[in-house]
Amino acid sequence: MQILYDVKTDVLYIRMEDQKQPVINRRVSDDIVLDMGKDEKIVGIEIIGASLHLNLKNILPVEYKISAGIPA
């Protein structure tokens, strides 16, 4: 998983899958777009106007760990 934030465009992107694949964009609201991959699986989430919806100071920078046994 990867979380990216573009300060210029105020867009936060959460990439759930590291594997490159074709996706279909599904807009679920004015500010949320889901990237849907194979078998309708969500592979990415885009939040437009992220600073209006989230307290970015509390979530950025993000740290995470991968548990043993889970492929990276």
N, C-alpha and C. Protein backbone atom coordinates (compact mmCIF):
# COMPACT_ATOMS: atom_id res chain seq x y z
N MET A 1 0.85 -1.17 0.00
CA MET A 1 0.00 0.00 0.00
C MET A 1 0.89 1.23 0.00
N GLN A 2 0.43 2.26 -0.68
CA GLN A 2 1.18 3.50 -0.78
C GLN A 2 0.20 4.66 -0.67
N ILE A 3 0.59 5.69 0.08
CA ILE A 3 -0.24 6.89 0.20
C ILE A 3 0.56 8.06 -0.34
N LEU A 4 -0.02 8.75 -1.31
CA LEU A 4 0.65 9.87 -1.97
C LEU A 4 -0.20 11.12 -1.82
N TYR A 5 0.45 12.25 -1.59
CA TYR A 5 -0.27 13.52 -1.49
C TYR A 5 0.42 14.55 -2.37
N ASP A 6 -0.36 15.22 -3.21
CA ASP A 6 0.16 16.29 -4.06
C ASP A 6 -0.33 17.61 -3.50
N VAL A 7 0.59 18.36 -2.91
CA VAL A 7 0.22 19.62 -2.25
C VAL A 7 -0.28 20.65 -3.26
N LYS A 8 0.22 20.63 -4.48
CA LYS A 8 -0.20 21.60 -5.50
C LYS A 8 -1.65 21.42 -5.91
N THR A 9 -2.08 20.17 -6.05
CA THR A 9 -3.45 19.90 -6.48
C THR A 9 -4.37 19.53 -5.33
N ASP A 10 -3.80 19.35 -4.12
CA ASP A 10 -4.55 18.95 -2.93
C ASP A 10 -5.30 17.63 -3.15
N VAL A 11 -4.58 16.66 -3.76
CA VAL A 11 -5.14 15.35 -4.03
C VAL A 11 -4.36 14.31 -3.24
N LEU A 12 -5.09 13.48 -2.50
CA LEU A 12 -4.51 12.36 -1.76
C LEU A 12 -4.88 11.09 -2.51
N TYR A 13 -3.89 10.24 -2.76
CA TYR A 13 -4.14 8.98 -3.47
C TYR A 13 -3.65 7.83 -2.62
N ILE A 14 -4.53 6.88 -2.39
CA ILE A 14 -4.19 5.67 -1.65
C ILE A 14 -4.15 4.53 -2.65
N ARG A 15 -2.96 4.00 -2.87
CA ARG A 15 -2.78 2.88 -3.80
C ARG A 15 -2.80 1.59 -2.98
N MET A 16 -3.80 0.76 -3.23
CA MET A 16 -3.97 -0.48 -2.48
C MET A 16 -3.15 -1.62 -3.07
N GLU A 17 -2.91 -1.57 -4.36
CA GLU A 17 -2.18 -2.63 -5.07
C GLU A 17 -0.95 -2.03 -5.72
N ASP A 18 0.19 -2.66 -5.52
CA ASP A 18 1.41 -2.18 -6.16
C ASP A 18 1.53 -2.67 -7.60
N GLN A 19 0.82 -3.74 -7.91
CA GLN A 19 0.87 -4.31 -9.25
C GLN A 19 0.17 -3.39 -10.25
N LYS A 20 0.85 -3.09 -11.36
CA LYS A 20 0.22 -2.27 -12.40
C LYS A 20 -0.82 -3.11 -13.11
N GLN A 21 -1.97 -2.49 -13.38
CA GLN A 21 -3.06 -3.17 -14.06
C GLN A 21 -4.02 -2.15 -14.64
N PRO A 22 -4.80 -2.55 -15.62
CA PRO A 22 -5.81 -1.63 -16.16
C PRO A 22 -6.87 -1.37 -15.09
N VAL A 23 -7.32 -0.13 -15.02
CA VAL A 23 -8.36 0.23 -14.04
C VAL A 23 -9.47 1.02 -14.72
N ILE A 24 -10.62 0.99 -14.08
CA ILE A 24 -11.76 1.82 -14.47
C ILE A 24 -12.00 2.78 -13.32
N ASN A 25 -12.14 4.07 -13.62
CA ASN A 25 -12.40 5.08 -12.59
C ASN A 25 -13.90 5.16 -12.33
N ARG A 26 -14.26 5.08 -11.04
CA ARG A 26 -15.66 5.23 -10.63
C ARG A 26 -15.75 6.40 -9.67
N ARG A 27 -16.43 7.44 -10.08
CA ARG A 27 -16.63 8.59 -9.21
C ARG A 27 -17.80 8.28 -8.29
N VAL A 28 -17.54 8.26 -6.98
CA VAL A 28 -18.60 7.94 -6.03
C VAL A 28 -19.17 9.19 -5.37
N SER A 29 -18.45 10.31 -5.50
CA SER A 29 -18.95 11.61 -5.05
C SER A 29 -18.15 12.67 -5.81
N ASP A 30 -18.44 13.92 -5.54
CA ASP A 30 -17.71 14.99 -6.22
C ASP A 30 -16.21 14.94 -5.93
N ASP A 31 -15.84 14.40 -4.76
CA ASP A 31 -14.45 14.45 -4.33
C ASP A 31 -13.78 13.09 -4.18
N ILE A 32 -14.47 12.00 -4.46
CA ILE A 32 -13.90 10.66 -4.29
C ILE A 32 -14.01 9.88 -5.60
N VAL A 33 -12.86 9.34 -6.03
CA VAL A 33 -12.81 8.50 -7.22
C VAL A 33 -12.15 7.17 -6.83
N LEU A 34 -12.80 6.08 -7.18
CA LEU A 34 -12.25 4.75 -6.93
C LEU A 34 -11.66 4.20 -8.23
N ASP A 35 -10.48 3.63 -8.15
CA ASP A 35 -9.89 2.91 -9.27
C ASP A 35 -10.22 1.44 -9.07
N MET A 36 -10.99 0.89 -10.01
CA MET A 36 -11.44 -0.49 -9.92
C MET A 36 -10.62 -1.34 -10.87
N GLY A 37 -10.06 -2.43 -10.34
CA GLY A 37 -9.25 -3.34 -11.13
C GLY A 37 -10.01 -4.60 -11.46
N LYS A 38 -9.25 -5.66 -11.66
CA LYS A 38 -9.81 -6.96 -12.01
C LYS A 38 -10.83 -7.42 -10.96
N ASP A 39 -11.92 -7.98 -11.44
CA ASP A 39 -12.99 -8.51 -10.57
C ASP A 39 -13.60 -7.44 -9.68
N GLU A 40 -13.64 -6.17 -10.17
CA GLU A 40 -14.25 -5.06 -9.43
C GLU A 40 -13.56 -4.79 -8.09
N LYS A 41 -12.30 -5.14 -7.97
CA LYS A 41 -11.54 -4.92 -6.74
C LYS A 41 -11.03 -3.48 -6.72
N ILE A 42 -11.18 -2.81 -5.57
CA ILE A 42 -10.68 -1.44 -5.44
C ILE A 42 -9.16 -1.50 -5.33
N VAL A 43 -8.47 -0.85 -6.26
CA VAL A 43 -7.01 -0.84 -6.24
C VAL A 43 -6.45 0.54 -5.89
N GLY A 44 -7.31 1.57 -5.90
CA GLY A 44 -6.86 2.90 -5.53
C GLY A 44 -8.02 3.80 -5.17
N ILE A 45 -7.75 4.77 -4.31
CA ILE A 45 -8.76 5.74 -3.89
C ILE A 45 -8.15 7.12 -4.02
N GLU A 46 -8.82 8.00 -4.75
CA GLU A 46 -8.37 9.37 -4.93
C GLU A 46 -9.32 10.31 -4.19
N ILE A 47 -8.75 11.17 -3.35
CA ILE A 47 -9.55 12.14 -2.62
C ILE A 47 -9.16 13.53 -3.11
N ILE A 48 -10.08 14.18 -3.78
CA ILE A 48 -9.85 15.51 -4.34
C ILE A 48 -10.22 16.54 -3.27
N GLY A 49 -9.39 17.56 -3.12
CA GLY A 49 -9.62 18.53 -2.04
C GLY A 49 -9.39 17.90 -0.69
N ALA A 50 -8.34 17.09 -0.60
CA ALA A 50 -8.09 16.29 0.60
C ALA A 50 -8.01 17.13 1.87
N SER A 51 -7.40 18.30 1.80
CA SER A 51 -7.24 19.11 3.01
C SER A 51 -8.58 19.64 3.54
N LEU A 52 -9.60 19.63 2.70
CA LEU A 52 -10.94 20.04 3.13
C LEU A 52 -11.67 18.93 3.88
N HIS A 53 -11.26 17.68 3.66
CA HIS A 53 -11.95 16.52 4.22
C HIS A 53 -11.17 15.83 5.33
N LEU A 54 -9.86 16.00 5.34
CA LEU A 54 -9.00 15.28 6.28
C LEU A 54 -8.07 16.24 7.00
N ASN A 55 -7.71 15.91 8.21
CA ASN A 55 -6.67 16.66 8.91
C ASN A 55 -5.34 16.01 8.52
N LEU A 56 -4.73 16.52 7.47
CA LEU A 56 -3.53 15.92 6.90
C LEU A 56 -2.35 15.92 7.87
N LYS A 57 -2.33 16.85 8.80
CA LYS A 57 -1.23 16.88 9.78
C LYS A 57 -1.23 15.64 10.65
N ASN A 58 -2.40 15.04 10.85
CA ASN A 58 -2.50 13.84 11.67
C ASN A 58 -2.17 12.56 10.91
N ILE A 59 -2.23 12.59 9.57
CA ILE A 59 -1.99 11.36 8.82
C ILE A 59 -0.72 11.39 7.96
N LEU A 60 -0.14 12.57 7.77
CA LEU A 60 1.08 12.66 6.95
C LEU A 60 2.24 13.10 7.81
N PRO A 61 3.43 12.55 7.69
CA PRO A 61 3.72 11.39 6.85
C PRO A 61 3.17 10.13 7.48
N VAL A 62 2.88 9.17 6.65
CA VAL A 62 2.30 7.91 7.07
C VAL A 62 3.40 6.87 7.21
N GLU A 63 3.33 6.10 8.28
CA GLU A 63 4.23 4.97 8.44
C GLU A 63 3.40 3.72 8.56
N TYR A 64 3.86 2.64 7.96
CA TYR A 64 3.16 1.38 8.10
C TYR A 64 4.15 0.24 8.03
N LYS A 65 3.75 -0.90 8.54
CA LYS A 65 4.59 -2.09 8.53
C LYS A 65 3.86 -3.20 7.82
N ILE A 66 4.61 -4.07 7.18
CA ILE A 66 4.03 -5.23 6.54
C ILE A 66 4.27 -6.42 7.46
N SER A 67 3.21 -7.12 7.80
CA SER A 67 3.31 -8.28 8.69
C SER A 67 4.00 -9.43 7.96
N ALA A 68 4.68 -10.27 8.73
CA ALA A 68 5.34 -11.45 8.16
C ALA A 68 4.30 -12.35 7.52
N GLY A 69 4.64 -12.91 6.39
CA GLY A 69 3.73 -13.82 5.69
C GLY A 69 2.84 -13.16 4.67
N ILE A 70 2.82 -11.84 4.64
CA ILE A 70 2.03 -11.12 3.66
C ILE A 70 2.98 -10.64 2.57
N PRO A 71 2.78 -11.08 1.32
CA PRO A 71 3.71 -10.66 0.26
C PRO A 71 3.67 -9.16 0.04
N ALA A 72 4.81 -8.58 -0.16
CA ALA A 72 4.91 -7.14 -0.38
C ALA A 72 4.72 -6.81 -1.84
